[in-house]
């Protein structure tokens, strides 16, 4: 979506781009999936950020590796950044 505004006697166009909440490769996160998932609440590491052609944050998928070396693929909404001080609390 573009918006136009006058700028010193002329037109200035700027593009409104939604800010995407992207997790980085190697980032430690906590999996908060469904309550019946045995991995719920466990810490994991982002090992791959999958392509997101829609550019919608809610459609962003990530591959993760849990501490027991199992892997999973989850949407962004199930992965929560955590403070490194919380690591011992899990």
PDB file of N, CA and C in Angstrom:
ATOM      1  N   UNK A   1       0.846  -1.162   0.000  1.00  0.00           N
ATOM      2  CA  UNK A   1       0.000   0.000   0.000  1.00  0.00           C
ATOM      3  C   UNK A   1       0.895   1.229   0.000  1.00  0.00           C
ATOM      4  N   UNK A   2       0.641   2.153  -0.904  1.00  0.00           N
ATOM      5  CA  UNK A   2       1.454   3.363  -0.977  1.00  0.00           C
ATOM      6  C   UNK A   2       0.613   4.556  -0.549  1.00  0.00           C
ATOM      7  N   UNK A   3       1.279   5.511   0.043  1.00  0.00           N
ATOM      8  CA  UNK A   3       0.601   6.749   0.407  1.00  0.00           C
ATOM      9  C   UNK A   3       1.386   7.912  -0.189  1.00  0.00           C
ATOM     10  N   UNK A   4       0.672   8.954  -0.537  1.00  0.00           N
ATOM     11  CA  UNK A   4       1.309  10.125  -1.130  1.00  0.00           C
ATOM     12  C   UNK A   4       1.199  11.297  -0.172  1.00  0.00           C
ATOM     13  N   UNK A   5       2.227  12.087  -0.119  1.00  0.00           N
ATOM     14  CA  UNK A   5       2.228  13.285   0.714  1.00  0.00           C
ATOM     15  C   UNK A   5       3.005  14.371  -0.008  1.00  0.00           C
ATOM     16  N   UNK A   6       2.587  15.641   0.190  1.00  0.00           N
ATOM     17  CA  UNK A   6       3.336  16.714  -0.444  1.00  0.00           C
ATOM     18  C   UNK A   6       4.656  16.885   0.289  1.00  0.00           C
ATOM     19  N   UNK A   7       5.702  17.110  -0.477  1.00  0.00           N
ATOM     20  CA  UNK A   7       7.023  17.245   0.092  1.00  0.00           C
ATOM     21  C   UNK A   7       7.751  18.351  -0.650  1.00  0.00           C
ATOM     22  N   UNK A   8       7.892  19.511  -0.028  1.00  0.00           N
ATOM     23  CA  UNK A   8       8.571  20.681  -0.590  1.00  0.00           C
ATOM     24  C   UNK A   8       8.089  21.014  -1.999  1.00  0.00           C
ATOM     25  N   UNK A   9       6.785  21.096  -2.128  1.00  0.00           N
ATOM     26  CA  UNK A   9       6.224  21.514  -3.407  1.00  0.00           C
ATOM     27  C   UNK A   9       6.049  20.394  -4.405  1.00  0.00           C
ATOM     28  N   UNK A  10       6.457  19.185  -4.085  1.00  0.00           N
ATOM     29  CA  UNK A  10       6.302  18.054  -4.997  1.00  0.00           C
ATOM     30  C   UNK A  10       5.650  16.893  -4.279  1.00  0.00           C
ATOM     31  N   UNK A  11       5.529  15.819  -4.975  1.00  0.00           N
ATOM     32  CA  UNK A  11       4.941  14.631  -4.369  1.00  0.00           C
ATOM     33  C   UNK A  11       6.046  13.704  -3.902  1.00  0.00           C
ATOM     34  N   UNK A  12       5.852  13.153  -2.746  1.00  0.00           N
ATOM     35  CA  UNK A  12       6.797  12.192  -2.179  1.00  0.00           C
ATOM     36  C   UNK A  12       6.013  10.922  -1.871  1.00  0.00           C
ATOM     37  N   UNK A  13       6.449   9.832  -2.433  1.00  0.00           N
ATOM     38  CA  UNK A  13       5.755   8.561  -2.207  1.00  0.00           C
ATOM     39  C   UNK A  13       6.549   7.724  -1.220  1.00  0.00           C
ATOM     40  N   UNK A  14       5.845   7.129  -0.306  1.00  0.00           N
ATOM     41  CA  UNK A  14       6.495   6.206   0.613  1.00  0.00           C
ATOM     42  C   UNK A  14       5.655   4.942   0.698  1.00  0.00           C
ATOM     43  N   UNK A  15       6.320   3.870   0.860  1.00  0.00           N
ATOM     44  CA  UNK A  15       5.661   2.571   0.885  1.00  0.00           C
ATOM     45  C   UNK A  15       5.479   2.156   2.340  1.00  0.00           C
ATOM     46  N   UNK A  16       4.294   1.738   2.690  1.00  0.00           N
ATOM     47  CA  UNK A  16       4.036   1.232   4.038  1.00  0.00           C
ATOM     48  C   UNK A  16       4.248  -0.273   4.020  1.00  0.00           C
ATOM     49  N   UNK A  17       5.277  -0.722   4.705  1.00  0.00           N
ATOM     50  CA  UNK A  17       5.600  -2.143   4.759  1.00  0.00           C
ATOM     51  C   UNK A  17       5.354  -2.623   6.185  1.00  0.00           C
ATOM     52  N   UNK A  18       4.586  -3.699   6.356  1.00  0.00           N
ATOM     53  CA  UNK A  18       4.355  -4.193   7.711  1.00  0.00           C
ATOM     54  C   UNK A  18       5.652  -4.686   8.344  1.00  0.00           C
ATOM     55  N   UNK A  19       5.808  -4.409   9.624  1.00  0.00           N
ATOM     56  CA  UNK A  19       6.987  -4.864  10.344  1.00  0.00           C
ATOM     57  C   UNK A  19       6.793  -6.337  10.654  1.00  0.00           C
ATOM     58  N   UNK A  20       7.753  -7.152  10.202  1.00  0.00           N
ATOM     59  CA  UNK A  20       7.635  -8.586  10.426  1.00  0.00           C
ATOM     60  C   UNK A  20       8.463  -8.982  11.639  1.00  0.00           C
ATOM     61  N   UNK A  21       7.855  -9.758  12.490  1.00  0.00           N
ATOM     62  CA  UNK A  21       8.516 -10.261  13.677  1.00  0.00           C
ATOM     63  C   UNK A  21       9.201 -11.564  13.305  1.00  0.00           C
ATOM     64  N   UNK A  22      10.442 -11.466  12.808  1.00  0.00           N
ATOM     65  CA  UNK A  22      11.148 -12.632  12.296  1.00  0.00           C
ATOM     66  C   UNK A  22      12.149 -13.120  13.338  1.00  0.00           C
ATOM     67  N   UNK A  23      12.153 -14.424  13.546  1.00  0.00           N
ATOM     68  CA  UNK A  23      13.133 -15.038  14.426  1.00  0.00           C
ATOM     69  C   UNK A  23      14.382 -15.335  13.606  1.00  0.00           C
ATOM     70  N   UNK A  24      15.536 -15.239  14.222  1.00  0.00           N
ATOM     71  CA  UNK A  24      16.806 -15.424  13.520  1.00  0.00           C
ATOM     72  C   UNK A  24      17.291 -16.862  13.609  1.00  0.00           C
ATOM     73  N   UNK A  25      18.075 -17.236  12.632  1.00  0.00           N
ATOM     74  CA  UNK A  25      18.719 -18.541  12.609  1.00  0.00           C
ATOM     75  C   UNK A  25      19.609 -18.675  13.834  1.00  0.00           C
ATOM     76  N   UNK A  26      19.506 -19.781  14.546  1.00  0.00           N
ATOM     77  CA  UNK A  26      20.310 -20.007  15.741  1.00  0.00           C
ATOM     78  C   UNK A  26      19.698 -19.463  17.020  1.00  0.00           C
ATOM     79  N   UNK A  27      18.594 -18.745  16.922  1.00  0.00           N
ATOM     80  CA  UNK A  27      17.951 -18.159  18.094  1.00  0.00           C
ATOM     81  C   UNK A  27      17.304 -19.254  18.950  1.00  0.00           C
ATOM     82  N   UNK A  28      17.435 -19.123  20.264  1.00  0.00           N
ATOM     83  CA  UNK A  28      16.787 -20.049  21.197  1.00  0.00           C
ATOM     84  C   UNK A  28      15.376 -19.542  21.482  1.00  0.00           C
ATOM     85  N   UNK A  29      14.414 -20.436  21.371  1.00  0.00           N
ATOM     86  CA  UNK A  29      13.012 -20.097  21.596  1.00  0.00           C
ATOM     87  C   UNK A  29      12.364 -21.202  22.428  1.00  0.00           C
ATOM     88  N   UNK A  30      11.166 -20.918  22.922  1.00  0.00           N
ATOM     89  CA  UNK A  30      10.382 -21.906  23.652  1.00  0.00           C
ATOM     90  C   UNK A  30       9.180 -22.272  22.797  1.00  0.00           C
ATOM     91  N   UNK A  31       8.916 -23.558  22.654  1.00  0.00           N
ATOM     92  CA  UNK A  31       7.772 -24.027  21.887  1.00  0.00           C
ATOM     93  C   UNK A  31       6.536 -24.006  22.773  1.00  0.00           C
ATOM     94  N   UNK A  32       5.530 -23.256  22.355  1.00  0.00           N
ATOM     95  CA  UNK A  32       4.252 -23.197  23.062  1.00  0.00           C
ATOM     96  C   UNK A  32       3.162 -23.648  22.116  1.00  0.00           C
ATOM     97  N   UNK A  33       3.074 -24.934  21.917  1.00  0.00           N
ATOM     98  CA  UNK A  33       2.078 -25.503  21.012  1.00  0.00           C
ATOM     99  C   UNK A  33       0.816 -25.877  21.754  1.00  0.00           C
ATOM    100  N   UNK A  34       0.149 -26.873  21.242  1.00  0.00           N
ATOM    101  CA  UNK A  34      -1.066 -27.350  21.878  1.00  0.00           C
ATOM    102  C   UNK A  34      -0.724 -28.033  23.193  1.00  0.00           C
ATOM    103  N   UNK A  35      -1.657 -27.983  24.125  1.00  0.00           N
ATOM    104  CA  UNK A  35      -1.414 -28.513  25.470  1.00  0.00           C
ATOM    105  C   UNK A  35      -1.083 -30.004  25.454  1.00  0.00           C
ATOM    106  N   UNK A  36      -1.616 -30.753  24.499  1.00  0.00           N
ATOM    107  CA  UNK A  36      -1.381 -32.201  24.478  1.00  0.00           C
ATOM    108  C   UNK A  36      -0.095 -32.588  23.745  1.00  0.00           C
ATOM    109  N   UNK A  37       0.660 -31.609  23.246  1.00  0.00           N
ATOM    110  CA  UNK A  37       1.916 -31.897  22.556  1.00  0.00           C
ATOM    111  C   UNK A  37       3.003 -32.163  23.600  1.00  0.00           C
ATOM    112  N   UNK A  38       3.706 -33.287  23.515  1.00  0.00           N
ATOM    113  CA  UNK A  38       4.727 -33.600  24.531  1.00  0.00           C
ATOM    114  C   UNK A  38       5.893 -32.615  24.555  1.00  0.00           C
ATOM    115  N   UNK A  39       6.090 -31.854  23.499  1.00  0.00           N
ATOM    116  CA  UNK A  39       7.187 -30.879  23.437  1.00  0.00           C
ATOM    117  C   UNK A  39       6.772 -29.503  23.964  1.00  0.00           C
ATOM    118  N   UNK A  40       5.529 -29.350  24.342  1.00  0.00           N
ATOM    119  CA  UNK A  40       5.025 -28.052  24.799  1.00  0.00           C
ATOM    120  C   UNK A  40       5.854 -27.531  25.974  1.00  0.00           C
ATOM    121  N   UNK A  41       6.336 -26.289  25.845  1.00  0.00           N
ATOM    122  CA  UNK A  41       7.121 -25.651  26.899  1.00  0.00           C
ATOM    123  C   UNK A  41       8.610 -25.916  26.821  1.00  0.00           C
ATOM    124  N   UNK A  42       9.051 -26.764  25.907  1.00  0.00           N
ATOM    125  CA  UNK A  42      10.474 -27.077  25.803  1.00  0.00           C
ATOM    126  C   UNK A  42      11.212 -26.037  24.970  1.00  0.00           C
ATOM    127  N   UNK A  43      12.493 -25.873  25.270  1.00  0.00           N
ATOM    128  CA  UNK A  43      13.340 -24.940  24.529  1.00  0.00           C
ATOM    129  C   UNK A  43      13.875 -25.621  23.280  1.00  0.00           C
ATOM    130  N   UNK A  44      14.083 -24.821  22.236  1.00  0.00           N
ATOM    131  CA  UNK A  44      14.607 -25.330  20.978  1.00  0.00           C
ATOM    132  C   UNK A  44      15.380 -24.222  20.276  1.00  0.00           C
ATOM    133  N   UNK A  45      16.049 -24.581  19.195  1.00  0.00           N
ATOM    134  CA  UNK A  45      16.876 -23.660  18.427  1.00  0.00           C
ATOM    135  C   UNK A  45      16.361 -23.584  17.000  1.00  0.00           C
ATOM    136  N   UNK A  46      16.265 -22.367  16.451  1.00  0.00           N
ATOM    137  CA  UNK A  46      15.844 -22.179  15.065  1.00  0.00           C
ATOM    138  C   UNK A  46      16.979 -22.677  14.167  1.00  0.00           C
ATOM    139  N   UNK A  47      16.689 -23.670  13.309  1.00  0.00           N
ATOM    140  CA  UNK A  47      17.725 -24.182  12.414  1.00  0.00           C
ATOM    141  C   UNK A  47      17.454 -23.826  10.958  1.00  0.00           C
ATOM    142  N   UNK A  48      16.235 -23.377  10.658  1.00  0.00           N
ATOM    143  CA  UNK A  48      15.926 -22.963   9.285  1.00  0.00           C
ATOM    144  C   UNK A  48      14.717 -22.050   9.286  1.00  0.00           C
ATOM    145  N   UNK A  49      14.819 -20.950   8.544  1.00  0.00           N
ATOM    146  CA  UNK A  49      13.685 -20.050   8.317  1.00  0.00           C
ATOM    147  C   UNK A  49      13.190 -20.357   6.909  1.00  0.00           C
ATOM    148  N   UNK A  50      11.963 -20.823   6.801  1.00  0.00           N
ATOM    149  CA  UNK A  50      11.423 -21.235   5.509  1.00  0.00           C
ATOM    150  C   UNK A  50      10.958 -20.032   4.705  1.00  0.00           C
ATOM    151  N   UNK A  51      10.945 -20.137   3.374  1.00  0.00           N
ATOM    152  CA  UNK A  51      10.469 -19.030   2.537  1.00  0.00           C
ATOM    153  C   UNK A  51       9.013 -18.681   2.875  1.00  0.00           C
ATOM    154  N   UNK A  52       8.714 -17.408   2.817  1.00  0.00           N
ATOM    155  CA  UNK A  52       7.372 -16.933   3.119  1.00  0.00           C
ATOM    156  C   UNK A  52       6.922 -16.011   1.987  1.00  0.00           C
ATOM    157  N   UNK A  53       6.416 -16.580   0.868  1.00  0.00           N
ATOM    158  CA  UNK A  53       6.060 -15.754  -0.279  1.00  0.00           C
ATOM    159  C   UNK A  53       4.938 -14.758   0.001  1.00  0.00           C
ATOM    160  N   UNK A  54       4.108 -15.021   0.992  1.00  0.00           N
ATOM    161  CA  UNK A  54       2.997 -14.110   1.286  1.00  0.00           C
ATOM    162  C   UNK A  54       3.451 -12.883   2.066  1.00  0.00           C
ATOM    163  N   UNK A  55       4.629 -12.952   2.688  1.00  0.00           N
ATOM    164  CA  UNK A  55       5.142 -11.862   3.537  1.00  0.00           C
ATOM    165  C   UNK A  55       4.239 -11.538   4.705  1.00  0.00           C
ATOM    166  N   UNK A  56       3.384 -12.477   5.087  1.00  0.00           N
ATOM    167  CA  UNK A  56       2.529 -12.291   6.269  1.00  0.00           C
ATOM    168  C   UNK A  56       3.192 -12.983   7.452  1.00  0.00           C
ATOM    169  N   UNK A  57       3.405 -12.255   8.548  1.00  0.00           N
ATOM    170  CA  UNK A  57       4.087 -12.859   9.705  1.00  0.00           C
ATOM    171  C   UNK A  57       3.383 -14.113  10.217  1.00  0.00           C
ATOM    172  N   UNK A  58       2.063 -14.152  10.137  1.00  0.00           N
ATOM    173  CA  UNK A  58       1.328 -15.309  10.645  1.00  0.00           C
ATOM    174  C   UNK A  58       1.536 -16.554   9.781  1.00  0.00           C
ATOM    175  N   UNK A  59       2.123 -16.384   8.609  1.00  0.00           N
ATOM    176  CA  UNK A  59       2.374 -17.507   7.702  1.00  0.00           C
ATOM    177  C   UNK A  59       3.832 -17.955   7.705  1.00  0.00           C
ATOM    178  N   UNK A  60       4.649 -17.415   8.601  1.00  0.00           N
ATOM    179  CA  UNK A  60       6.074 -17.753   8.632  1.00  0.00           C
ATOM    180  C   UNK A  60       6.287 -19.074   9.360  1.00  0.00           C
ATOM    181  N   UNK A  61       6.972 -20.011   8.695  1.00  0.00           N
ATOM    182  CA  UNK A  61       7.292 -21.320   9.250  1.00  0.00           C
ATOM    183  C   UNK A  61       8.772 -21.395   9.594  1.00  0.00           C
ATOM    184  N   UNK A  62       9.081 -22.163  10.638  1.00  0.00           N
ATOM    185  CA  UNK A  62      10.453 -22.356  11.093  1.00  0.00           C
ATOM    186  C   UNK A  62      10.696 -23.837  11.361  1.00  0.00           C
ATOM    187  N   UNK A  63      11.889 -24.304  11.028  1.00  0.00           N
ATOM    188  CA  UNK A  63      12.344 -25.622  11.456  1.00  0.00           C
ATOM    189  C   UNK A  63      13.141 -25.417  12.730  1.00  0.00           C
ATOM    190  N   UNK A  64      12.898 -26.265  13.724  1.00  0.00           N
ATOM    191  CA  UNK A  64      13.586 -26.142  15.010  1.00  0.00           C
ATOM    192  C   UNK A  64      14.173 -27.489  15.421  1.00  0.00           C
ATOM    193  N   UNK A  65      15.205 -27.433  16.257  1.00  0.00           N
ATOM    194  CA  UNK A  65      15.779 -28.636  16.854  1.00  0.00           C
ATOM    195  C   UNK A  65      15.660 -28.492  18.368  1.00  0.00           C
ATOM    196  N   UNK A  66      15.024 -29.475  18.988  1.00  0.00           N
ATOM    197  CA  UNK A  66      14.880 -29.485  20.437  1.00  0.00           C
ATOM    198  C   UNK A  66      16.169 -29.990  21.076  1.00  0.00           C
ATOM    199  N   UNK A  67      16.278 -29.822  22.379  1.00  0.00           N
ATOM    200  CA  UNK A  67      17.492 -30.212  23.099  1.00  0.00           C
ATOM    201  C   UNK A  67      17.739 -31.714  23.065  1.00  0.00           C
ATOM    202  N   UNK A  68      16.702 -32.526  22.823  1.00  0.00           N
ATOM    203  CA  UNK A  68      16.887 -33.984  22.729  1.00  0.00           C
ATOM    204  C   UNK A  68      17.193 -34.423  21.290  1.00  0.00           C
ATOM    205  N   UNK A  69      17.543 -33.465  20.427  1.00  0.00           N
ATOM    206  CA  UNK A  69      17.893 -33.665  19.012  1.00  0.00           C
ATOM    207  C   UNK A  69      16.710 -34.024  18.115  1.00  0.00           C
ATOM    208  N   UNK A  70      15.488 -33.986  18.619  1.00  0.00           N
ATOM    209  CA  UNK A  70      14.329 -34.156  17.743  1.00  0.00           C
ATOM    210  C   UNK A  70      14.077 -32.833  17.029  1.00  0.00           C
ATOM    211  N   UNK A  71      13.369 -32.899  15.910  1.00  0.00           N
ATOM    212  CA  UNK A  71      13.133 -31.711  15.101  1.00  0.00           C
ATOM    213  C   UNK A  71      11.640 -31.515  14.877  1.00  0.00           C
ATOM    214  N   UNK A  72      11.281 -30.276  14.516  1.00  0.00           N
ATOM    215  CA  UNK A  72       9.895 -29.975  14.205  1.00  0.00           C
ATOM    216  C   UNK A  72       9.805 -28.767  13.291  1.00  0.00           C
ATOM    217  N   UNK A  73       8.630 -28.592  12.679  1.00  0.00           N
ATOM    218  CA  UNK A  73       8.359 -27.444  11.824  1.00  0.00           C
ATOM    219  C   UNK A  73       7.086 -26.781  12.351  1.00  0.00           C
ATOM    220  N   UNK A  74       7.212 -25.495  12.720  1.00  0.00           N
ATOM    221  CA  UNK A  74       6.110 -24.815  13.380  1.00  0.00           C
ATOM    222  C   UNK A  74       5.929 -23.404  12.848  1.00  0.00           C
ATOM    223  N   UNK A  75       4.708 -22.899  12.984  1.00  0.00           N
ATOM    224  CA  UNK A  75       4.414 -21.502  12.672  1.00  0.00           C
ATOM    225  C   UNK A  75       4.976 -20.598  13.752  1.00  0.00           C
ATOM    226  N   UNK A  76       5.195 -19.348  13.401  1.00  0.00           N
ATOM    227  CA  UNK A  76       5.771 -18.351  14.317  1.00  0.00           C
ATOM    228  C   UNK A  76       4.977 -18.241  15.615  1.00  0.00           C
ATOM    229  N   UNK A  77       3.666 -18.342  15.536  1.00  0.00           N
ATOM    230  CA  UNK A  77       2.838 -18.121  16.731  1.00  0.00           C
ATOM    231  C   UNK A  77       3.090 -19.152  17.833  1.00  0.00           C
ATOM    232  N   UNK A  78       3.704 -20.290  17.491  1.00  0.00           N
ATOM    233  CA  UNK A  78       3.988 -21.317  18.490  1.00  0.00           C
ATOM    234  C   UNK A  78       5.390 -21.213  19.082  1.00  0.00           C
ATOM    235  N   UNK A  79       6.179 -20.263  18.612  1.00  0.00           N
ATOM    236  CA  UNK A  79       7.555 -20.106  19.077  1.00  0.00           C
ATOM    237  C   UNK A  79       7.703 -18.769  19.785  1.00  0.00           C
ATOM    238  N   UNK A  80       8.170 -18.808  21.018  1.00  0.00           N
ATOM    239  CA  UNK A  80       8.256 -17.606  21.845  1.00  0.00           C
ATOM    240  C   UNK A  80       9.707 -17.366  22.232  1.00  0.00           C
ATOM    241  N   UNK A  81      10.175 -16.151  21.987  1.00  0.00           N
ATOM    242  CA  UNK A  81      11.514 -15.786  22.439  1.00  0.00           C
ATOM    243  C   UNK A  81      11.526 -15.817  23.961  1.00  0.00           C
ATOM    244  N   UNK A  82      12.643 -16.225  24.533  1.00  0.00           N
ATOM    245  CA  UNK A  82      12.733 -16.213  25.984  1.00  0.00           C
ATOM    246  C   UNK A  82      14.037 -15.578  26.416  1.00  0.00           C
ATOM    247  N   UNK A  83      14.017 -15.081  27.628  1.00  0.00           N
ATOM    248  CA  UNK A  83      15.183 -14.457  28.224  1.00  0.00           C
ATOM    249  C   UNK A  83      16.142 -15.571  28.651  1.00  0.00           C
ATOM    250  N   UNK A  84      17.420 -15.424  28.422  1.00  0.00           N
ATOM    251  CA  UNK A  84      18.389 -16.474  28.784  1.00  0.00           C
ATOM    252  C   UNK A  84      18.379 -16.763  30.275  1.00  0.00           C
ATOM    253  N   UNK A  85      17.884 -15.825  31.093  1.00  0.00           N
ATOM    254  CA  UNK A  85      17.788 -16.063  32.540  1.00  0.00           C
ATOM    255  C   UNK A  85      16.732 -17.120  32.841  1.00  0.00           C
ATOM    256  N   UNK A  86      15.784 -17.327  31.927  1.00  0.00           N
ATOM    257  CA  UNK A  86      14.719 -18.301  32.123  1.00  0.00           C
ATOM    258  C   UNK A  86      15.188 -19.722  31.872  1.00  0.00           C
ATOM    259  N   UNK A  87      16.349 -19.902  31.280  1.00  0.00           N
ATOM    260  CA  UNK A  87      16.798 -21.232  30.836  1.00  0.00           C
ATOM    261  C   UNK A  87      16.776 -22.254  31.977  1.00  0.00           C
ATOM    262  N   UNK A  88      17.200 -21.857  33.134  1.00  0.00           N
ATOM    263  CA  UNK A  88      17.210 -22.780  34.263  1.00  0.00           C
ATOM    264  C   UNK A  88      15.829 -23.053  34.821  1.00  0.00           C
ATOM    265  N   UNK A  89      14.851 -22.214  34.464  1.00  0.00           N
ATOM    266  CA  UNK A  89      13.499 -22.369  35.002  1.00  0.00           C
ATOM    267  C   UNK A  89      12.700 -23.414  34.268  1.00  0.00           C
ATOM    268  N   UNK A  90      13.157 -23.844  33.081  1.00  0.00           N
ATOM    269  CA  UNK A  90      12.384 -24.793  32.292  1.00  0.00           C
ATOM    270  C   UNK A  90      12.541 -26.214  32.781  1.00  0.00           C
TER     271      UNK A  90
END
